Full PDB file with SEQRES, HELIX, SHEET, SSBOND, CRYST1, ORIGX, SCALE, CONECT and MASTER records, all heavy atoms in Angstrom:
SEQRES   1 A   42  GLY HIS LYS GLY LYS GLY LYS LEU TYR PHE ALA ASP ILE          
SEQRES   2 A   42  ASN GLY ASP LYS LYS ALA ASP LEU ILE VAL HIS GLU THR          
SEQRES   3 A   42  ASN GLY ASP ILE ALA VAL ARG LEU ASN GLN GLY THR TYR          
SEQRES   4 A   42  TRP ASP GLY                                                  
SHEET    1 AA1 3 LYS A   7  ALA A  11  0                                        
SHEET    2 AA1 3 ASP A  20  HIS A  24 -1                                        
SHEET    3 AA1 3 ILE A  30  ARG A  33 -1                                        
CRYST1    1.000    1.000    1.000  90.00  90.00  90.00 P 1           1          
ORIGX1      1.000000  0.000000  0.000000        0.00000                         
ORIGX2      0.000000  1.000000  0.000000        0.00000                         
ORIGX3      0.000000  0.000000  1.000000        0.00000                         
SCALE1      1.000000  0.000000  0.000000        0.00000                         
SCALE2      0.000000  1.000000  0.000000        0.00000                         
SCALE3      0.000000  0.000000  1.000000        0.00000                         
ATOM      1  N   GLY A   1     146.888 147.819 128.119  1.00  0.00           N  
ATOM      2  CA  GLY A   1     147.098 146.422 127.994  1.00  0.00           C  
ATOM      3  C   GLY A   1     147.322 145.927 126.591  1.00  0.00           C  
ATOM      4  O   GLY A   1     147.351 144.686 126.357  1.00  0.00           O  
ATOM      5  N   HIS A   2     147.509 146.856 125.631  1.00  0.00           N  
ATOM      6  CA  HIS A   2     147.738 146.445 124.230  1.00  0.00           C  
ATOM      7  C   HIS A   2     149.184 145.977 124.166  1.00  0.00           C  
ATOM      8  O   HIS A   2     150.003 146.170 125.088  1.00  0.00           O  
ATOM      9  CB  HIS A   2     147.520 147.640 123.325  1.00  0.00           C  
ATOM     10  CG  HIS A   2     146.141 148.139 123.348  1.00  0.00           C  
ATOM     11  ND1 HIS A   2     145.787 149.433 123.084  1.00  0.00           N  
ATOM     12  CD2 HIS A   2     144.938 147.551 123.717  1.00  0.00           C  
ATOM     13  CE1 HIS A   2     144.519 149.653 123.230  1.00  0.00           C  
ATOM     14  NE2 HIS A   2     143.977 148.507 123.583  1.00  0.00           N  
ATOM     15  N   LYS A   3     149.529 145.328 123.046  1.00  0.00           N  
ATOM     16  CA  LYS A   3     150.853 144.778 122.870  1.00  0.00           C  
ATOM     17  C   LYS A   3     151.935 145.825 123.088  1.00  0.00           C  
ATOM     18  O   LYS A   3     151.907 146.893 122.502  1.00  0.00           O  
ATOM     19  CB  LYS A   3     150.996 144.160 121.458  1.00  0.00           C  
ATOM     20  CG  LYS A   3     152.265 143.390 121.257  1.00  0.00           C  
ATOM     21  CD  LYS A   3     152.306 142.726 119.871  1.00  0.00           C  
ATOM     22  CE  LYS A   3     153.589 141.978 119.711  1.00  0.00           C  
ATOM     23  NZ  LYS A   3     153.658 141.271 118.350  1.00  0.00           N  
ATOM     24  N   GLY A   4     152.893 145.505 123.979  1.00  0.00           N  
ATOM     25  CA  GLY A   4     153.991 146.423 124.251  1.00  0.00           C  
ATOM     26  C   GLY A   4     153.648 147.537 125.220  1.00  0.00           C  
ATOM     27  O   GLY A   4     154.506 148.393 125.458  1.00  0.00           O  
ATOM     28  N   LYS A   5     152.435 147.536 125.753  1.00  0.00           N  
ATOM     29  CA  LYS A   5     152.043 148.570 126.684  1.00  0.00           C  
ATOM     30  C   LYS A   5     151.854 148.043 128.080  1.00  0.00           C  
ATOM     31  O   LYS A   5     151.824 146.877 128.345  1.00  0.00           O  
ATOM     32  CB  LYS A   5     150.675 149.170 126.207  1.00  0.00           C  
ATOM     33  CG  LYS A   5     150.687 149.737 124.798  1.00  0.00           C  
ATOM     34  CD  LYS A   5     151.606 150.917 124.699  1.00  0.00           C  
ATOM     35  CE  LYS A   5     151.485 151.535 123.288  1.00  0.00           C  
ATOM     36  NZ  LYS A   5     152.365 152.746 123.121  1.00  0.00           N  
ATOM     37  N   GLY A   6     151.770 148.999 129.039  1.00  0.00           N  
ATOM     38  CA  GLY A   6     151.539 148.658 130.420  1.00  0.00           C  
ATOM     39  C   GLY A   6     150.062 148.270 130.622  1.00  0.00           C  
ATOM     40  O   GLY A   6     149.261 148.214 129.707  1.00  0.00           O  
ATOM     41  N   LYS A   7     149.748 147.996 131.890  1.00  0.00           N  
ATOM     42  CA  LYS A   7     148.410 147.530 132.230  1.00  0.00           C  
ATOM     43  C   LYS A   7     147.964 148.061 133.542  1.00  0.00           C  
ATOM     44  O   LYS A   7     148.804 148.298 134.478  1.00  0.00           O  
ATOM     45  CB  LYS A   7     148.425 145.994 132.273  1.00  0.00           C  
ATOM     46  CG  LYS A   7     147.106 145.328 132.064  1.00  0.00           C  
ATOM     47  CD  LYS A   7     147.283 143.837 131.835  1.00  0.00           C  
ATOM     48  CE  LYS A   7     145.979 143.150 131.549  1.00  0.00           C  
ATOM     49  NZ  LYS A   7     146.164 141.710 131.284  1.00  0.00           N  
ATOM     50  N   LEU A   8     146.665 148.247 133.720  1.00  0.00           N  
ATOM     51  CA  LEU A   8     146.081 148.748 134.976  1.00  0.00           C  
ATOM     52  C   LEU A   8     145.144 147.668 135.537  1.00  0.00           C  
ATOM     53  O   LEU A   8     144.496 146.877 134.799  1.00  0.00           O  
ATOM     54  CB  LEU A   8     145.297 149.995 134.790  1.00  0.00           C  
ATOM     55  CG  LEU A   8     146.033 151.212 134.231  1.00  0.00           C  
ATOM     56  CD1 LEU A   8     145.089 152.404 134.126  1.00  0.00           C  
ATOM     57  CD2 LEU A   8     147.290 151.540 135.065  1.00  0.00           C  
ATOM     58  N   TYR A   9     144.993 147.663 136.873  1.00  0.00           N  
ATOM     59  CA  TYR A   9     144.062 146.779 137.571  1.00  0.00           C  
ATOM     60  C   TYR A   9     143.436 147.620 138.675  1.00  0.00           C  
ATOM     61  O   TYR A   9     143.992 148.620 139.159  1.00  0.00           O  
ATOM     62  CB  TYR A   9     144.808 145.586 138.160  1.00  0.00           C  
ATOM     63  CG  TYR A   9     145.829 144.906 137.309  1.00  0.00           C  
ATOM     64  CD1 TYR A   9     147.126 145.423 137.254  1.00  0.00           C  
ATOM     65  CD2 TYR A   9     145.538 143.795 136.560  1.00  0.00           C  
ATOM     66  CE1 TYR A   9     148.094 144.835 136.493  1.00  0.00           C  
ATOM     67  CE2 TYR A   9     146.512 143.155 135.779  1.00  0.00           C  
ATOM     68  CZ  TYR A   9     147.797 143.714 135.733  1.00  0.00           C  
ATOM     69  OH  TYR A   9     148.770 143.142 134.951  1.00  0.00           O  
ATOM     70  N   PHE A  10     142.210 147.148 139.131  1.00  0.00           N  
ATOM     71  CA  PHE A  10     141.515 147.827 140.185  1.00  0.00           C  
ATOM     72  C   PHE A  10     141.078 146.824 141.195  1.00  0.00           C  
ATOM     73  O   PHE A  10     140.314 145.906 140.871  1.00  0.00           O  
ATOM     74  CB  PHE A  10     140.320 148.614 139.592  1.00  0.00           C  
ATOM     75  CG  PHE A  10     140.737 149.725 138.660  1.00  0.00           C  
ATOM     76  CD1 PHE A  10     140.932 149.430 137.283  1.00  0.00           C  
ATOM     77  CD2 PHE A  10     140.924 151.017 139.107  1.00  0.00           C  
ATOM     78  CE1 PHE A  10     141.319 150.453 136.441  1.00  0.00           C  
ATOM     79  CE2 PHE A  10     141.347 151.986 138.285  1.00  0.00           C  
ATOM     80  CZ  PHE A  10     141.528 151.744 136.905  1.00  0.00           C  
ATOM     81  N   ALA A  11     141.498 147.001 142.464  1.00  0.00           N  
ATOM     82  CA  ALA A  11     141.146 146.113 143.553  1.00  0.00           C  
ATOM     83  C   ALA A  11     141.470 146.786 144.895  1.00  0.00           C  
ATOM     84  O   ALA A  11     142.265 147.700 144.947  1.00  0.00           O  
ATOM     85  CB  ALA A  11     141.929 144.795 143.410  1.00  0.00           C  
ATOM     86  N   ASP A  12     140.784 146.321 145.912  1.00  0.00           N  
ATOM     87  CA  ASP A  12     140.984 146.878 147.249  1.00  0.00           C  
ATOM     88  C   ASP A  12     142.268 146.347 147.883  1.00  0.00           C  
ATOM     89  O   ASP A  12     142.333 145.211 148.368  1.00  0.00           O  
ATOM     90  CB  ASP A  12     139.768 146.562 148.174  1.00  0.00           C  
ATOM     91  CG  ASP A  12     139.926 147.138 149.530  1.00  0.00           C  
ATOM     92  OD1 ASP A  12     140.829 147.958 149.771  1.00  0.00           O  
ATOM     93  OD2 ASP A  12     139.113 146.777 150.389  1.00  0.00           O  
ATOM     94  N   ILE A  13     143.318 147.138 147.854  1.00  0.00           N  
ATOM     95  CA  ILE A  13     144.649 146.727 148.362  1.00  0.00           C  
ATOM     96  C   ILE A  13     144.799 147.006 149.836  1.00  0.00           C  
ATOM     97  O   ILE A  13     145.437 146.232 150.536  1.00  0.00           O  
ATOM     98  CB  ILE A  13     145.753 147.457 147.588  1.00  0.00           C  
ATOM     99  CG1 ILE A  13     145.777 147.034 146.090  1.00  0.00           C  
ATOM    100  CG2 ILE A  13     147.126 147.181 148.182  1.00  0.00           C  
ATOM    101  CD1 ILE A  13     146.182 145.635 145.838  1.00  0.00           C  
ATOM    102  N   ASN A  14     144.197 148.049 150.374  1.00  0.00           N  
ATOM    103  CA  ASN A  14     144.452 148.418 151.761  1.00  0.00           C  
ATOM    104  C   ASN A  14     143.346 148.075 152.738  1.00  0.00           C  
ATOM    105  O   ASN A  14     143.349 148.395 153.891  1.00  0.00           O  
ATOM    106  CB  ASN A  14     144.797 149.905 151.875  1.00  0.00           C  
ATOM    107  CG  ASN A  14     143.602 150.819 151.467  1.00  0.00           C  
ATOM    108  OD1 ASN A  14     142.629 150.332 150.903  1.00  0.00           O  
ATOM    109  ND2 ASN A  14     143.760 152.084 151.731  1.00  0.00           N  
ATOM    110  N   GLY A  15     142.289 147.397 152.212  1.00  0.00           N  
ATOM    111  CA  GLY A  15     141.199 146.906 153.102  1.00  0.00           C  
ATOM    112  C   GLY A  15     140.193 147.918 153.506  1.00  0.00           C  
ATOM    113  O   GLY A  15     139.440 147.649 154.525  1.00  0.00           O  
ATOM    114  N   ASP A  16     140.070 149.026 152.804  1.00  0.00           N  
ATOM    115  CA  ASP A  16     139.033 150.005 153.164  1.00  0.00           C  
ATOM    116  C   ASP A  16     137.769 149.845 152.342  1.00  0.00           C  
ATOM    117  O   ASP A  16     136.904 150.711 152.359  1.00  0.00           O  
ATOM    118  CB  ASP A  16     139.568 151.450 153.003  1.00  0.00           C  
ATOM    119  CG  ASP A  16     139.913 151.770 151.553  1.00  0.00           C  
ATOM    120  OD1 ASP A  16     139.789 150.900 150.699  1.00  0.00           O  
ATOM    121  OD2 ASP A  16     140.341 152.962 151.313  1.00  0.00           O  
ATOM    122  N   LYS A  17     137.695 148.753 151.601  1.00  0.00           N  
ATOM    123  CA  LYS A  17     136.522 148.367 150.789  1.00  0.00           C  
ATOM    124  C   LYS A  17     136.348 149.171 149.526  1.00  0.00           C  
ATOM    125  O   LYS A  17     135.360 149.066 148.822  1.00  0.00           O  
ATOM    126  CB  LYS A  17     135.228 148.349 151.596  1.00  0.00           C  
ATOM    127  CG  LYS A  17     135.274 147.452 152.833  1.00  0.00           C  
ATOM    128  CD  LYS A  17     133.943 147.377 153.514  1.00  0.00           C  
ATOM    129  CE  LYS A  17     134.035 146.523 154.816  1.00  0.00           C  
ATOM    130  NZ  LYS A  17     134.552 145.185 154.598  1.00  0.00           N  
ATOM    131  N   LYS A  18     137.343 149.987 149.225  1.00  0.00           N  
ATOM    132  CA  LYS A  18     137.278 150.809 147.971  1.00  0.00           C  
ATOM    133  C   LYS A  18     138.423 150.419 147.047  1.00  0.00           C  
ATOM    134  O   LYS A  18     139.601 150.287 147.478  1.00  0.00           O  
ATOM    135  CB  LYS A  18     137.370 152.336 148.329  1.00  0.00           C  
ATOM    136  CG  LYS A  18     136.174 152.829 149.154  1.00  0.00           C  
ATOM    137  CD  LYS A  18     136.268 154.285 149.448  1.00  0.00           C  
ATOM    138  CE  LYS A  18     137.405 154.619 150.388  1.00  0.00           C  
ATOM    139  NZ  LYS A  18     137.447 156.062 150.739  1.00  0.00           N  
ATOM    140  N   ALA A  19     138.132 150.286 145.760  1.00  0.00           N  
ATOM    141  CA  ALA A  19     139.126 149.781 144.802  1.00  0.00           C  
ATOM    142  C   ALA A  19     140.242 150.810 144.578  1.00  0.00           C  
ATOM    143  O   ALA A  19     140.021 151.980 144.278  1.00  0.00           O  
ATOM    144  CB  ALA A  19     138.437 149.501 143.498  1.00  0.00           C  
ATOM    145  N   ASP A  20     141.483 150.343 144.783  1.00  0.00           N  
ATOM    146  CA  ASP A  20     142.675 151.106 144.499  1.00  0.00           C  
ATOM    147  C   ASP A  20     143.141 150.852 143.042  1.00  0.00           C  
ATOM    148  O   ASP A  20     142.648 149.896 142.381  1.00  0.00           O  
ATOM    149  CB  ASP A  20     143.767 150.771 145.504  1.00  0.00           C  
ATOM    150  CG  ASP A  20     143.237 150.957 146.934  1.00  0.00           C  
ATOM    151  OD1 ASP A  20     142.900 152.067 147.282  1.00  0.00           O  
ATOM    152  OD2 ASP A  20     143.219 149.920 147.675  1.00  0.00           O  
ATOM    153  N   LEU A  21     144.071 151.642 142.610  1.00  0.00           N  
ATOM    154  CA  LEU A  21     144.589 151.536 141.251  1.00  0.00           C  
ATOM    155  C   LEU A  21     145.996 150.875 141.342  1.00  0.00           C  
ATOM    156  O   LEU A  21     146.895 151.342 142.003  1.00  0.00           O  
ATOM    157  CB  LEU A  21     144.734 152.913 140.615  1.00  0.00           C  
ATOM    158  CG  LEU A  21     145.525 153.019 139.286  1.00  0.00           C  
ATOM    159  CD1 LEU A  21     144.952 152.152 138.208  1.00  0.00           C  
ATOM    160  CD2 LEU A  21     145.515 154.484 138.845  1.00  0.00           C  
ATOM    161  N   ILE A  22     146.152 149.766 140.569  1.00  0.00           N  
ATOM    162  CA  ILE A  22     147.411 149.034 140.547  1.00  0.00           C  
ATOM    163  C   ILE A  22     148.028 149.273 139.157  1.00  0.00           C  
ATOM    164  O   ILE A  22     147.376 148.994 138.139  1.00  0.00           O  
ATOM    165  CB  ILE A  22     147.205 147.535 140.828  1.00  0.00           C  
ATOM    166  CG1 ILE A  22     146.533 147.372 142.165  1.00  0.00           C  
ATOM    167  CG2 ILE A  22     148.549 146.793 140.793  1.00  0.00           C  
ATOM    168  CD1 ILE A  22     145.664 146.174 142.262  1.00  0.00           C  
ATOM    169  N   VAL A  23     149.222 149.785 139.114  1.00  0.00           N  
ATOM    170  CA  VAL A  23     149.887 150.157 137.860  1.00  0.00           C  
ATOM    171  C   VAL A  23     151.022 149.164 137.561  1.00  0.00           C  
ATOM    172  O   VAL A  23     151.904 148.979 138.328  1.00  0.00           O  
ATOM    173  CB  VAL A  23     150.492 151.570 137.923  1.00  0.00           C  
ATOM    174  CG1 VAL A  23     151.069 151.985 136.622  1.00  0.00           C  
ATOM    175  CG2 VAL A  23     149.382 152.581 138.377  1.00  0.00           C  
ATOM    176  N   HIS A  24     150.913 148.559 136.385  1.00  0.00           N  
ATOM    177  CA  HIS A  24     151.895 147.566 135.923  1.00  0.00           C  
ATOM    178  C   HIS A  24     152.676 148.163 134.740  1.00  0.00           C  
ATOM    179  O   HIS A  24     152.175 148.269 133.642  1.00  0.00           O  
ATOM    180  CB  HIS A  24     151.185 146.331 135.485  1.00  0.00           C  
ATOM    181  CG  HIS A  24     152.030 145.156 135.260  1.00  0.00           C  
ATOM    182  ND1 HIS A  24     151.520 143.874 134.992  1.00  0.00           N  
ATOM    183  CD2 HIS A  24     153.345 144.978 135.193  1.00  0.00           C  
ATOM    184  CE1 HIS A  24     152.499 143.041 134.789  1.00  0.00           C  
ATOM    185  NE2 HIS A  24     153.651 143.679 134.931  1.00  0.00           N  
ATOM    186  N   GLU A  25     153.940 148.566 134.989  1.00  0.00           N  
ATOM    187  CA  GLU A  25     154.749 149.178 133.975  1.00  0.00           C  
ATOM    188  C   GLU A  25     155.340 148.110 133.033  1.00  0.00           C  
ATOM    189  O   GLU A  25     155.484 146.933 133.400  1.00  0.00           O  
ATOM    190  CB  GLU A  25     155.921 149.938 134.633  1.00  0.00           C  
ATOM    191  CG  GLU A  25     155.553 151.042 135.596  1.00  0.00           C  
ATOM    192  CD  GLU A  25     155.374 152.367 134.940  1.00  0.00           C  
ATOM    193  OE1 GLU A  25     155.583 152.463 133.707  1.00  0.00           O  
ATOM    194  OE2 GLU A  25     155.071 153.308 135.630  1.00  0.00           O  
ATOM    195  N   THR A  26     155.721 148.526 131.869  1.00  0.00           N  
ATOM    196  CA  THR A  26     156.369 147.567 130.910  1.00  0.00           C  
ATOM    197  C   THR A  26     157.721 147.112 131.390  1.00  0.00           C  
ATOM    198  O   THR A  26     158.176 146.056 130.951  1.00  0.00           O  
ATOM    199  CB  THR A  26     156.502 148.205 129.491  1.00  0.00           C  
ATOM    200  OG1 THR A  26     157.217 149.458 129.595  1.00  0.00           O  
ATOM    201  CG2 THR A  26     155.163 148.459 128.885  1.00  0.00           C  
ATOM    202  N   ASN A  27     158.353 147.807 132.294  1.00  0.00           N  
ATOM    203  CA  ASN A  27     159.629 147.387 132.865  1.00  0.00           C  
ATOM    204  C   ASN A  27     159.474 146.375 133.953  1.00  0.00           C  
ATOM    205  O   ASN A  27     160.424 145.908 134.588  1.00  0.00           O  
ATOM    206  CB  ASN A  27     160.459 148.584 133.341  1.00  0.00           C  
ATOM    207  CG  ASN A  27     159.840 149.286 134.568  1.00  0.00           C  
ATOM    208  OD1 ASN A  27     158.762 148.889 135.059  1.00  0.00           O  
ATOM    209  ND2 ASN A  27     160.464 150.331 134.989  1.00  0.00           N  
ATOM    210  N   GLY A  28     158.180 146.023 134.273  1.00  0.00           N  
ATOM    211  CA  GLY A  28     157.921 145.043 135.314  1.00  0.00           C  
ATOM    212  C   GLY A  28     157.564 145.581 136.671  1.00  0.00           C  
ATOM    213  O   GLY A  28     157.199 144.824 137.560  1.00  0.00           O  
ATOM    214  N   ASP A  29     157.736 146.884 136.879  1.00  0.00           N  
ATOM    215  CA  ASP A  29     157.410 147.475 138.188  1.00  0.00           C  
ATOM    216  C   ASP A  29     155.886 147.510 138.412  1.00  0.00           C  
ATOM    217  O   ASP A  29     155.125 147.716 137.483  1.00  0.00           O  
ATOM    218  CB  ASP A  29     157.942 148.922 138.282  1.00  0.00           C  
ATOM    219  CG  ASP A  29     159.468 148.965 138.460  1.00  0.00           C  
ATOM    220  OD1 ASP A  29     160.065 147.862 138.563  1.00  0.00           O  
ATOM    221  OD2 ASP A  29     159.995 150.072 138.438  1.00  0.00           O  
ATOM    222  N   ILE A  30     155.528 147.305 139.685  1.00  0.00           N  
ATOM    223  CA  ILE A  30     154.110 147.401 140.066  1.00  0.00           C  
ATOM    224  C   ILE A  30     153.988 148.427 141.220  1.00  0.00           C  
ATOM    225  O   ILE A  30     154.710 148.321 142.245  1.00  0.00           O  
ATOM    226  CB  ILE A  30     153.586 146.029 140.539  1.00  0.00           C  
ATOM    227  CG1 ILE A  30     153.481 145.094 139.347  1.00  0.00           C  
ATOM    228  CG2 ILE A  30     152.192 146.208 141.169  1.00  0.00           C  
ATOM    229  CD1 ILE A  30     153.038 143.725 139.677  1.00  0.00           C  
ATOM    230  N   ALA A  31     153.141 149.402 141.000  1.00  0.00           N  
ATOM    231  CA  ALA A  31     152.929 150.431 141.996  1.00  0.00           C  
ATOM    232  C   ALA A  31     151.439 150.446 142.396  1.00  0.00           C  
ATOM    233  O   ALA A  31     150.585 150.097 141.609  1.00  0.00           O  
ATOM    234  CB  ALA A  31     153.299 151.790 141.470  1.00  0.00           C  
ATOM    235  N   VAL A  32     151.127 150.785 143.645  1.00  0.00           N  
ATOM    236  CA  VAL A  32     149.776 150.884 144.155  1.00  0.00           C  
ATOM    237  C   VAL A  32     149.446 152.330 144.433  1.00  0.00           C  
ATOM    238  O   VAL A  32     150.168 153.062 145.118  1.00  0.00           O  
ATOM    239  CB  VAL A  32     149.617 150.056 145.405  1.00  0.00           C  
ATOM    240  CG1 VAL A  32     148.218 150.300 146.040  1.00  0.00           C  
ATOM    241  CG2 VAL A  32     149.816 148.598 145.159  1.00  0.00           C  
ATOM    242  N   ARG A  33     148.286 152.835 143.858  1.00  0.00           N  
ATOM    243  CA  ARG A  33     147.794 154.158 144.064  1.00  0.00           C  
ATOM    244  C   ARG A  33     146.493 154.007 144.847  1.00  0.00           C  
ATOM    245  O   ARG A  33     145.505 153.506 144.377  1.00  0.00           O  
ATOM    246  CB  ARG A  33     147.607 154.884 142.720  1.00  0.00           C  
ATOM    247  CG  ARG A  33     148.901 155.094 141.978  1.00  0.00           C  
ATOM    248  CD  ARG A  33     148.704 155.948 140.760  1.00  0.00           C  
ATOM    249  NE  ARG A  33     149.945 156.362 140.176  1.00  0.00           N  
ATOM    250  CZ  ARG A  33     150.247 157.553 139.702  1.00  0.00           C  
ATOM    251  NH1 ARG A  33     149.362 158.512 139.796  1.00  0.00           N  
ATOM    252  NH2 ARG A  33     151.427 157.809 139.192  1.00  0.00           N  
ATOM    253  N   LEU A  34     146.491 154.559 146.053  1.00  0.00           N  
ATOM    254  CA  LEU A  34     145.325 154.364 146.929  1.00  0.00           C  
ATOM    255  C   LEU A  34     144.145 155.271 146.569  1.00  0.00           C  
ATOM    256  O   LEU A  34     144.362 156.410 146.169  1.00  0.00           O  
ATOM    257  CB  LEU A  34     145.761 154.597 148.380  1.00  0.00           C  
ATOM    258  CG  LEU A  34     146.789 153.580 148.947  1.00  0.00           C  
ATOM    259  CD1 LEU A  34     147.123 153.936 150.395  1.00  0.00           C  
ATOM    260  CD2 LEU A  34     146.222 152.151 148.865  1.00  0.00           C  
ATOM    261  N   ASN A  35     142.989 154.750 146.772  1.00  0.00           N  
ATOM    262  CA  ASN A  35     141.727 155.453 146.494  1.00  0.00           C  
ATOM    263  C   ASN A  35     141.514 156.552 147.534  1.00  0.00           C  
ATOM    264  O   ASN A  35     141.432 156.302 148.715  1.00  0.00           O  
ATOM    265  CB  ASN A  35     140.586 154.442 146.537  1.00  0.00           C  
ATOM    266  CG  ASN A  35     139.243 154.971 146.133  1.00  0.00           C  
ATOM    267  OD1 ASN A  35     138.923 156.117 146.387  1.00  0.00           O  
ATOM    268  ND2 ASN A  35     138.448 154.127 145.499  1.00  0.00           N  
ATOM    269  N   GLN A  36     141.385 157.803 147.031  1.00  0.00           N  
ATOM    270  CA  GLN A  36     141.192 158.945 147.932  1.00  0.00           C  
ATOM    271  C   GLN A  36     139.729 159.508 147.829  1.00  0.00           C  
ATOM    272  O   GLN A  36     139.492 160.626 148.274  1.00  0.00           O  
ATOM    273  CB  GLN A  36     142.191 160.060 147.554  1.00  0.00           C  
ATOM    274  CG  GLN A  36     143.608 159.621 147.696  1.00  0.00           C  
ATOM    275  CD  GLN A  36     143.997 159.241 149.118  1.00  0.00           C  
ATOM    276  OE1 GLN A  36     143.691 159.962 150.074  1.00  0.00           O  
ATOM    277  NE2 GLN A  36     144.641 158.062 149.246  1.00  0.00           N  
ATOM    278  N   GLY A  37     138.836 158.733 147.275  1.00  0.00           N  
ATOM    279  CA  GLY A  37     137.428 159.182 147.230  1.00  0.00           C  
ATOM    280  C   GLY A  37     136.997 159.775 145.905  1.00  0.00           C  
ATOM    281  O   GLY A  37     135.861 159.585 145.478  1.00  0.00           O  
ATOM    282  N   THR A  38     137.896 160.571 145.339  1.00  0.00           N  
ATOM    283  CA  THR A  38     137.613 161.152 143.995  1.00  0.00           C  
ATOM    284  C   THR A  38     138.812 161.008 143.021  1.00  0.00           C  
ATOM    285  O   THR A  38     138.736 161.501 141.927  1.00  0.00           O  
ATOM    286  CB  THR A  38     137.257 162.612 144.119  1.00  0.00           C  
ATOM    287  OG1 THR A  38     138.372 163.314 144.823  1.00  0.00           O  
ATOM    288  CG2 THR A  38     135.981 162.838 144.891  1.00  0.00           C  
ATOM    289  N   TYR A  39     139.845 160.351 143.543  1.00  0.00           N  
ATOM    290  CA  TYR A  39     141.043 160.156 142.670  1.00  0.00           C  
ATOM    291  C   TYR A  39     141.928 159.117 143.357  1.00  0.00           C  
ATOM    292  O   TYR A  39     141.630 158.637 144.477  1.00  0.00           O  
ATOM    293  CB  TYR A  39     141.821 161.461 142.512  1.00  0.00           C  
ATOM    294  CG  TYR A  39     142.417 161.995 143.781  1.00  0.00           C  
ATOM    295  CD1 TYR A  39     143.744 161.752 144.139  1.00  0.00           C  
ATOM    296  CD2 TYR A  39     141.668 162.754 144.653  1.00  0.00           C  
ATOM    297  CE1 TYR A  39     144.303 162.219 145.323  1.00  0.00           C  
ATOM    298  CE2 TYR A  39     142.170 163.253 145.852  1.00  0.00           C  
ATOM    299  CZ  TYR A  39     143.488 162.957 146.192  1.00  0.00           C  
ATOM    300  OH  TYR A  39     144.058 163.448 147.356  1.00  0.00           O  
ATOM    301  N   TRP A  40     142.960 158.695 142.690  1.00  0.00           N  
ATOM    302  CA  TRP A  40     143.961 157.769 143.287  1.00  0.00           C  
ATOM    303  C   TRP A  40     145.270 158.544 143.494  1.00  0.00           C  
ATOM    304  O   TRP A  40     145.642 159.401 142.672  1.00  0.00           O  
ATOM    305  CB  TRP A  40     144.229 156.588 142.363  1.00  0.00           C  
ATOM    306  CG  TRP A  40     143.034 155.703 142.214  1.00  0.00           C  
ATOM    307  CD1 TRP A  40     142.563 154.792 143.065  1.00  0.00           C  
ATOM    308  CD2 TRP A  40     142.084 155.740 141.123  1.00  0.00           C  
ATOM    309  NE1 TRP A  40     141.404 154.206 142.612  1.00  0.00           N  
ATOM    310  CE2 TRP A  40     141.093 154.715 141.412  1.00  0.00           C  
ATOM    311  CE3 TRP A  40     141.986 156.469 139.951  1.00  0.00           C  
ATOM    312  CZ2 TRP A  40     140.038 154.510 140.548  1.00  0.00           C  
ATOM    313  CZ3 TRP A  40     140.938 156.166 139.068  1.00  0.00           C  
ATOM    314  CH2 TRP A  40     139.958 155.228 139.401  1.00  0.00           C  
ATOM    315  N   ASP A  41     145.921 158.333 144.638  1.00  0.00           N  
ATOM    316  CA  ASP A  41     147.112 159.161 144.983  1.00  0.00           C  
ATOM    317  C   ASP A  41     148.309 158.840 144.081  1.00  0.00           C  
ATOM    318  O   ASP A  41     148.219 158.105 143.121  1.00  0.00           O  
ATOM    319  CB  ASP A  41     147.471 158.977 146.438  1.00  0.00           C  
ATOM    320  CG  ASP A  41     147.982 157.619 146.841  1.00  0.00           C  
ATOM    321  OD1 ASP A  41     148.378 156.837 145.893  1.00  0.00           O  
ATOM    322  OD2 ASP A  41     148.008 157.268 148.003  1.00  0.00           O  
ATOM    323  N   GLY A  42     149.450 159.486 144.418  1.00  0.00           N  
ATOM    324  CA  GLY A  42     150.638 159.337 143.588  1.00  0.00           C  
ATOM    325  C   GLY A  42     151.303 158.004 143.651  1.00  0.00           C  
ATOM    326  O   GLY A  42     152.142 157.695 142.792  1.00  0.00           O  
TER     327      GLY A  42                                                      
MASTER        0    0    0    0    3    0    0    6  326    1    0    4          
END                                                                             
């Protein structure tokens, strides 16, 4: 989240009560990586 960098967020996107990883690229794309219990998927 520093100047000129991308940003990450953590919130439950799929409703399983576990925080997923939301990736915000500097090009404006947003991807969701689902919580797999010990990591977030691709």
